[in-house]
N, C-alpha and C. Protein backbone atom coordinates (compact mmCIF):
# COMPACT_ATOMS: atom_id res chain seq x y z
N LYS A 1 58.24 11.96 -9.30
CA LYS A 1 58.34 12.54 -7.98
C LYS A 1 59.78 12.47 -7.50
N LYS A 2 60.22 13.55 -6.91
CA LYS A 2 61.55 13.54 -6.31
C LYS A 2 61.44 13.03 -4.90
N ARG A 3 62.34 12.15 -4.55
CA ARG A 3 62.38 11.66 -3.17
C ARG A 3 63.47 12.38 -2.41
N ILE A 4 63.19 12.69 -1.20
CA ILE A 4 64.19 13.32 -0.34
C ILE A 4 65.16 12.23 0.08
N PRO A 5 66.45 12.46 -0.09
CA PRO A 5 67.43 11.43 0.28
C PRO A 5 67.49 11.25 1.79
N CYS A 6 66.71 10.36 2.30
CA CYS A 6 66.64 10.11 3.72
C CYS A 6 66.43 8.60 3.92
N SER A 7 67.10 8.03 4.85
CA SER A 7 66.97 6.59 5.07
C SER A 7 66.19 6.25 6.34
N CYS A 8 65.58 7.25 6.94
CA CYS A 8 64.91 7.01 8.22
C CYS A 8 63.69 6.09 8.09
N LEU A 9 63.08 6.00 6.92
CA LEU A 9 61.90 5.15 6.74
C LEU A 9 62.17 3.91 5.90
N ASP A 10 63.43 3.64 5.57
CA ASP A 10 63.75 2.49 4.73
C ASP A 10 63.29 1.17 5.34
N GLU A 11 63.48 0.99 6.61
CA GLU A 11 63.07 -0.26 7.28
C GLU A 11 61.55 -0.43 7.23
N LYS A 12 60.84 0.64 7.51
CA LYS A 12 59.38 0.59 7.48
C LYS A 12 58.88 0.29 6.07
N TYR A 13 59.50 0.90 5.07
CA TYR A 13 59.11 0.66 3.68
C TYR A 13 59.29 -0.80 3.31
N LYS A 14 60.42 -1.39 3.68
CA LYS A 14 60.67 -2.81 3.40
C LYS A 14 59.62 -3.68 4.08
N GLU A 15 59.18 -3.26 5.24
CA GLU A 15 58.19 -4.02 6.02
C GLU A 15 56.81 -4.00 5.35
N VAL A 16 56.41 -2.87 4.77
CA VAL A 16 55.05 -2.74 4.26
C VAL A 16 54.90 -2.81 2.75
N LYS A 17 55.98 -2.83 2.00
CA LYS A 17 55.85 -2.75 0.55
C LYS A 17 55.19 -3.99 -0.07
N HIS A 18 55.17 -5.11 0.63
CA HIS A 18 54.56 -6.32 0.10
C HIS A 18 53.10 -6.47 0.52
N ILE A 19 52.60 -5.58 1.35
CA ILE A 19 51.21 -5.63 1.78
C ILE A 19 50.35 -5.06 0.65
N PRO A 20 49.35 -5.82 0.17
CA PRO A 20 48.53 -5.30 -0.94
C PRO A 20 47.68 -4.11 -0.50
N LYS A 21 47.54 -3.15 -1.41
CA LYS A 21 46.73 -1.97 -1.14
C LYS A 21 45.26 -2.34 -1.34
N ILE A 22 44.39 -1.78 -0.53
CA ILE A 22 42.97 -2.11 -0.54
C ILE A 22 42.18 -1.06 -1.32
N GLY A 23 41.27 -1.54 -2.17
CA GLY A 23 40.37 -0.67 -2.91
C GLY A 23 38.94 -0.98 -2.50
N LEU A 24 38.03 -0.04 -2.75
CA LEU A 24 36.64 -0.23 -2.39
C LEU A 24 35.77 -0.27 -3.64
N CYS A 25 34.85 -1.22 -3.67
CA CYS A 25 33.88 -1.31 -4.74
C CYS A 25 32.75 -0.33 -4.45
N CYS A 26 32.34 0.44 -5.44
CA CYS A 26 31.31 1.47 -5.26
C CYS A 26 29.89 0.93 -5.31
N SER A 27 29.74 -0.34 -5.61
CA SER A 27 28.40 -0.91 -5.71
C SER A 27 27.85 -1.25 -4.33
N PRO A 28 26.64 -0.77 -4.00
CA PRO A 28 26.04 -1.11 -2.70
C PRO A 28 25.67 -2.60 -2.62
N GLU A 29 25.51 -3.25 -3.77
CA GLU A 29 25.16 -4.67 -3.78
C GLU A 29 26.38 -5.58 -3.87
N CYS A 30 27.56 -5.05 -3.66
CA CYS A 30 28.80 -5.84 -3.78
C CYS A 30 28.79 -7.00 -2.78
N PRO A 31 29.09 -8.22 -3.27
CA PRO A 31 29.09 -9.38 -2.38
C PRO A 31 30.32 -9.49 -1.48
N LEU A 32 31.35 -8.71 -1.75
CA LEU A 32 32.56 -8.77 -0.94
C LEU A 32 32.33 -8.11 0.41
N PRO A 33 33.00 -8.59 1.46
CA PRO A 33 32.83 -7.98 2.79
C PRO A 33 33.24 -6.50 2.77
N CYS A 34 32.31 -5.64 3.09
CA CYS A 34 32.52 -4.18 3.11
C CYS A 34 32.95 -3.63 1.75
N GLY A 35 32.81 -4.41 0.69
CA GLY A 35 33.19 -3.96 -0.65
C GLY A 35 34.68 -3.82 -0.85
N MET A 36 35.47 -4.43 0.03
CA MET A 36 36.93 -4.28 -0.04
C MET A 36 37.56 -5.37 -0.88
N THR A 37 38.48 -4.96 -1.76
CA THR A 37 39.23 -5.89 -2.59
C THR A 37 40.62 -5.30 -2.85
N GLU A 38 41.50 -6.10 -3.37
CA GLU A 38 42.84 -5.61 -3.68
C GLU A 38 42.73 -4.53 -4.76
N ARG A 39 43.38 -3.40 -4.55
CA ARG A 39 43.24 -2.26 -5.45
C ARG A 39 43.65 -2.59 -6.89
N SER A 40 44.64 -3.44 -7.07
CA SER A 40 45.08 -3.77 -8.42
C SER A 40 44.03 -4.57 -9.18
N LEU A 41 43.04 -5.13 -8.49
CA LEU A 41 41.99 -5.90 -9.14
C LEU A 41 40.75 -5.07 -9.46
N THR A 42 40.70 -3.84 -8.99
CA THR A 42 39.51 -3.01 -9.24
C THR A 42 39.55 -2.42 -10.64
N MET A 43 38.36 -2.14 -11.16
CA MET A 43 38.22 -1.50 -12.47
C MET A 43 37.43 -0.22 -12.27
N CYS A 44 37.82 0.84 -12.97
CA CYS A 44 37.11 2.10 -12.80
C CYS A 44 36.15 2.33 -13.95
N CYS A 45 35.16 3.16 -13.69
CA CYS A 45 34.20 3.54 -14.72
C CYS A 45 34.97 4.19 -15.86
N SER A 46 34.78 3.70 -17.08
CA SER A 46 35.56 4.21 -18.20
C SER A 46 35.13 5.60 -18.63
N ARG A 47 33.95 6.03 -18.22
CA ARG A 47 33.48 7.36 -18.60
C ARG A 47 33.99 8.44 -17.66
N CYS A 48 33.75 8.29 -16.37
CA CYS A 48 34.12 9.35 -15.43
C CYS A 48 35.40 9.05 -14.65
N ARG A 49 35.76 7.81 -14.55
CA ARG A 49 36.94 7.34 -13.81
C ARG A 49 36.87 7.69 -12.32
N ALA A 50 35.68 7.97 -11.80
CA ALA A 50 35.53 8.34 -10.39
C ALA A 50 35.06 7.17 -9.54
N ALA A 51 34.44 6.17 -10.15
CA ALA A 51 33.90 5.03 -9.41
C ALA A 51 34.71 3.78 -9.72
N ASN A 52 34.99 2.99 -8.69
CA ASN A 52 35.73 1.74 -8.85
C ASN A 52 34.82 0.56 -8.54
N TYR A 53 35.03 -0.52 -9.26
CA TYR A 53 34.21 -1.72 -9.09
C TYR A 53 35.10 -2.95 -9.07
N CYS A 54 34.64 -3.97 -8.33
CA CYS A 54 35.41 -5.22 -8.25
C CYS A 54 35.10 -6.13 -9.43
N SER A 55 33.96 -5.92 -10.10
CA SER A 55 33.59 -6.78 -11.23
C SER A 55 32.62 -6.05 -12.15
N ARG A 56 32.44 -6.60 -13.33
CA ARG A 56 31.48 -6.06 -14.29
C ARG A 56 30.05 -6.14 -13.73
N GLU A 57 29.78 -7.22 -13.00
CA GLU A 57 28.45 -7.40 -12.42
C GLU A 57 28.12 -6.28 -11.43
N CYS A 58 29.09 -5.90 -10.62
CA CYS A 58 28.88 -4.80 -9.66
C CYS A 58 28.67 -3.48 -10.39
N GLN A 59 29.39 -3.27 -11.47
CA GLN A 59 29.23 -2.04 -12.24
C GLN A 59 27.83 -1.96 -12.84
N VAL A 60 27.35 -3.05 -13.41
CA VAL A 60 26.01 -3.08 -14.01
C VAL A 60 24.94 -2.88 -12.93
N ALA A 61 25.11 -3.52 -11.77
CA ALA A 61 24.14 -3.40 -10.68
C ALA A 61 24.08 -1.98 -10.13
N SER A 62 25.18 -1.26 -10.19
CA SER A 62 25.26 0.07 -9.62
C SER A 62 24.95 1.18 -10.62
N TRP A 63 24.74 0.84 -11.90
CA TRP A 63 24.64 1.85 -12.95
C TRP A 63 23.51 2.85 -12.73
N GLN A 64 22.34 2.41 -12.33
CA GLN A 64 21.21 3.34 -12.15
C GLN A 64 21.54 4.41 -11.12
N GLY A 65 22.20 4.05 -10.05
CA GLY A 65 22.57 5.03 -9.03
C GLY A 65 23.76 5.88 -9.43
N HIS A 66 24.64 5.33 -10.24
CA HIS A 66 25.87 6.02 -10.62
C HIS A 66 25.69 6.93 -11.83
N LYS A 67 24.65 6.69 -12.61
CA LYS A 67 24.46 7.38 -13.89
C LYS A 67 24.49 8.91 -13.74
N GLY A 68 23.79 9.44 -12.75
CA GLY A 68 23.75 10.89 -12.55
C GLY A 68 25.08 11.49 -12.18
N GLU A 69 25.76 10.88 -11.22
CA GLU A 69 27.07 11.43 -10.82
C GLU A 69 28.11 11.19 -11.90
N CYS A 70 27.93 10.14 -12.70
CA CYS A 70 28.86 9.88 -13.80
C CYS A 70 28.82 11.02 -14.81
N ALA A 71 27.61 11.45 -15.16
CA ALA A 71 27.46 12.57 -16.10
C ALA A 71 28.07 13.84 -15.51
N PHE A 72 27.85 14.07 -14.22
CA PHE A 72 28.40 15.25 -13.56
C PHE A 72 29.92 15.24 -13.62
N TYR A 73 30.55 14.12 -13.22
CA TYR A 73 32.01 14.04 -13.21
C TYR A 73 32.59 14.11 -14.62
N SER A 74 31.90 13.51 -15.59
CA SER A 74 32.38 13.56 -16.98
C SER A 74 32.36 14.98 -17.51
N ASP A 75 31.26 15.71 -17.23
CA ASP A 75 31.17 17.10 -17.67
C ASP A 75 32.22 17.97 -16.98
N LEU A 76 32.42 17.74 -15.70
CA LEU A 76 33.41 18.49 -14.95
C LEU A 76 34.81 18.23 -15.50
N LYS A 77 35.10 16.99 -15.78
CA LYS A 77 36.41 16.62 -16.34
C LYS A 77 36.63 17.27 -17.70
N ALA A 78 35.57 17.33 -18.53
CA ALA A 78 35.67 17.93 -19.86
C ALA A 78 35.95 19.42 -19.79
N LYS A 79 35.44 20.10 -18.77
CA LYS A 79 35.68 21.54 -18.63
C LYS A 79 37.13 21.86 -18.37
N PHE A 80 37.84 20.96 -17.71
CA PHE A 80 39.23 21.22 -17.34
C PHE A 80 40.25 20.63 -18.31
N GLN A 81 39.77 20.08 -19.40
CA GLN A 81 40.74 19.52 -20.38
C GLN A 81 40.90 20.41 -21.57
């Protein structure tokens, strides 16, 4: 990405760059409050890459509900590759 040479947001960037980004776990049974966790700790579904989970346990618990949309996203992704 090309950045526009502008320093108007440099101070704000320095202020927020150390704040961790938040990711959401797609499992309805997730034990975390509101399913929120640090984005760098989330893992995505290896088949469709559309769903994120905080742990393997959440992925397994959510599989029955995710299975249908996983197939849909995987097929859609295959059409565009």
